[in-house]
Protein backbone atom coordinates (compact mmCIF):
# COMPACT_ATOMS: atom_id res chain seq x y z
CA UNK A 1 9.83 -3.15 13.11
CA UNK A 2 11.11 -4.96 10.04
CA UNK A 3 10.06 -4.07 6.52
CA UNK A 4 8.07 -7.31 6.34
CA UNK A 5 6.23 -6.42 9.57
CA UNK A 6 5.49 -2.92 8.27
CA UNK A 7 4.07 -4.30 5.03
CA UNK A 8 1.95 -6.79 6.98
CA UNK A 9 0.67 -4.06 9.30
CA UNK A 10 -0.29 -1.83 6.37
CA UNK A 11 -2.12 -4.69 4.66
CA UNK A 12 -4.01 -5.63 7.81
CA UNK A 13 -5.07 -2.04 8.51
CA UNK A 14 -6.27 -1.70 4.91
CA UNK A 15 -8.28 -4.91 5.24
CA UNK A 16 -9.75 -3.63 8.50
CA UNK A 17 -10.88 -0.51 6.66
CA UNK A 18 -12.66 -2.61 4.01
CA UNK A 19 -10.06 -2.21 1.27
CA UNK A 20 -10.43 -4.74 -1.52
CA UNK A 21 -7.86 -6.84 -3.37
CA UNK A 22 -5.11 -6.18 -0.81
CA UNK A 23 -1.75 -7.62 -1.87
CA UNK A 24 1.88 -7.48 -0.80
CA UNK A 25 4.56 -7.81 -3.46
CA UNK A 26 8.15 -8.64 -2.58
CA UNK A 27 9.95 -6.45 -5.12
CA UNK A 28 13.46 -6.40 -3.62
CA UNK A 29 14.83 -8.69 -6.37
CA UNK A 30 13.24 -6.74 -9.23
CA UNK A 31 13.73 -3.06 -8.32
CA UNK A 32 15.80 -0.77 -6.15
CA UNK A 33 12.73 1.35 -5.34
CA UNK A 34 11.65 -0.69 -2.31
CA UNK A 35 11.57 -4.12 -0.74
CA UNK A 36 7.78 -4.38 -0.63
CA UNK A 37 4.80 -2.83 -2.35
CA UNK A 38 1.51 -2.99 -0.49
CA UNK A 39 -1.34 -2.55 -2.95
CA UNK A 40 -4.99 -2.07 -2.07
CA UNK A 41 -8.14 -0.72 -3.68
CA UNK A 42 -11.05 1.36 -2.53
CA UNK A 43 -14.45 1.65 -4.10
CA UNK A 44 -14.42 5.46 -4.20
CA UNK A 45 -12.00 8.37 -3.94
CA UNK A 46 -13.29 9.04 -0.44
CA UNK A 47 -12.58 5.47 0.67
CA UNK A 48 -9.10 5.60 -0.88
CA UNK A 49 -8.29 8.77 1.06
CA UNK A 50 -9.71 7.44 4.33
CA UNK A 51 -7.76 4.18 4.13
CA UNK A 52 -4.54 6.09 3.44
CA UNK A 53 -5.18 8.62 6.22
CA UNK A 54 -5.90 5.91 8.79
CA UNK A 55 -2.77 3.96 7.89
CA UNK A 56 -0.67 7.12 7.98
CA UNK A 57 -2.15 8.16 11.36
CA UNK A 58 -1.55 4.76 12.95
CA UNK A 59 2.04 4.68 11.71
CA UNK A 60 2.62 8.27 12.88
CA UNK A 61 1.52 7.18 16.36
CA UNK A 62 4.30 4.57 16.14
CA UNK A 63 6.83 7.22 15.13
CA UNK A 64 6.87 6.31 11.43
CA UNK A 65 6.54 9.23 9.03
CA UNK A 66 6.36 8.70 5.25
CA UNK A 67 9.28 9.99 3.21
CA UNK A 68 6.81 11.02 0.53
CA UNK A 69 3.05 11.10 0.15
CA UNK A 70 1.16 11.84 -3.02
CA UNK A 71 -2.30 11.64 -4.54
CA UNK A 72 -4.44 12.79 -1.64
CA UNK A 73 -5.99 15.66 -3.62
CA UNK A 74 -7.45 13.42 -6.31
CA UNK A 75 -7.90 10.24 -4.28
CA UNK A 76 -7.53 7.97 -7.29
CA UNK A 77 -4.03 6.67 -6.47
CA UNK A 78 -2.51 7.53 -3.11
CA UNK A 79 1.12 6.66 -2.41
CA UNK A 80 2.74 6.59 1.01
CA UNK A 81 6.47 5.95 0.68
CA UNK A 82 8.17 4.59 3.79
CA UNK A 83 11.45 3.80 2.04
CA UNK A 84 11.65 0.02 1.98
CA UNK A 85 7.84 -0.25 1.89
CA UNK A 86 5.64 1.71 -0.49
CA UNK A 87 1.88 1.71 -0.04
CA UNK A 88 -0.30 2.13 -3.14
CA UNK A 89 -4.02 2.63 -2.63
CA UNK A 90 -6.03 2.85 -5.82
CA UNK A 91 -9.58 3.52 -6.73
CA UNK A 92 -10.56 0.22 -8.39
CA UNK A 93 -10.71 1.70 -11.92
CA UNK A 94 -7.15 3.09 -11.68
CA UNK A 95 -5.83 -0.17 -10.26
CA UNK A 96 -7.22 -2.08 -13.22
CA UNK A 97 -5.77 0.49 -15.62
CA UNK A 98 -2.23 0.63 -14.17
CA UNK A 99 -2.08 -3.08 -13.27
CA UNK A 100 0.96 -2.86 -10.96
CA UNK A 101 0.84 -6.59 -10.30
CA UNK A 102 1.35 -7.21 -14.02
CA UNK A 103 3.96 -4.48 -14.33
CA UNK A 104 5.93 -6.10 -11.50
CA UNK A 105 5.07 -9.62 -12.65
CA UNK A 106 8.46 -10.99 -11.58
CA UNK A 107 7.81 -9.98 -7.97
CA UNK A 108 6.76 -12.62 -5.45
CA UNK A 109 3.38 -12.28 -3.78
CA UNK A 110 3.63 -12.40 0.00
CA UNK A 111 0.86 -14.02 2.03
CA UNK A 112 -0.85 -11.60 4.38
CA UNK A 113 -0.59 -12.90 7.92
CA UNK A 114 -3.71 -12.56 10.00
CA UNK A 115 -3.33 -10.31 13.01
């Protein structure tokens, strides 16, 4: 699976779990951290955790384990780091506060392909 396919899969799973404002940023030309950021929001800490857990479980079934995972205790900003693709799931208030899309304003937005 390519990095682009992984980012697309994450975005589609998040959308299937009723995440809001799902976006994929192509950050490979603006940072060495990753090639893609997948960003999504949940309406509550519980929804944020559930979306992250479902994505992680589906990817584990495919043999993909995150290099790092953080934020599950609080559920306000969960990060699953798969190397070239980093998933950020925010509670809506934290997403508005941290404004990653603005912070990485030079990144290209990638269209999410329907499954």
